[in-house]
């Protein structure tokens, strides 16, 4: 399809904030830019939307090219349109966040380097990506109360302690162990497994997996999780 417009119009990009969990901390994946502007600085995976693709398709392509990710959980959360946000030209970006297990990530062809950073150790970012990160964290914290998206950050089998640490890392709060366990058990999201995990102190802990049927239902209709 050919386009011909007589009026100036902005370019459109997508940027994706990729969250991972290392068992204790919530981390974010940054890409070292290999080209100008901001060559050598850290930023989020992103790029210009092609004429033959949607915003979602562009975001998934960039995740694949810059982080080696396919089929990651991804959610659009905001559009950034400040006039001076890109020194090259007038650019609007549609922002997404993705939730992945950190071991899934490999560097892609378009990045000089990809590296995980804890949220309290993120360096100064290129463009307006500092602002994008703050919005992404706020969006994730809101959504985790209404949709069981946190499970995307865990392995298939996990302990209740791992689940609690994940929610504490995302929400930046501390929970009472017994209250948290009771709340999660009563939701109907977890299946207790016959296997147990041996902890560093040589004690045993029950392993859980998420109930796929209930998980899919909650993702479809949502829920309200109060602590």
Foldseek 3Di string as FASTA:
>chain_A
DDDDDPDDDAWEKEFEWEWADPLFAIKTKWFQACDDDVHRFTATQMDTDDPPDDRVVRVQVSCCAAWVDHPFDKDWQDKDQDQPQDVPHRYIYTYMYTYAYVVNTDGHPRGPDMDIDGPVGDDDGHRVRVVVVVSVLVVQLVVVQWAVVLLRRDDQKDFLSSVQSSNCNSNVDHDDSVVSVVLVVVVQQKDWDPDWDQDPVRDTTIMIGTDVVVNVVCNVVIDGHDD
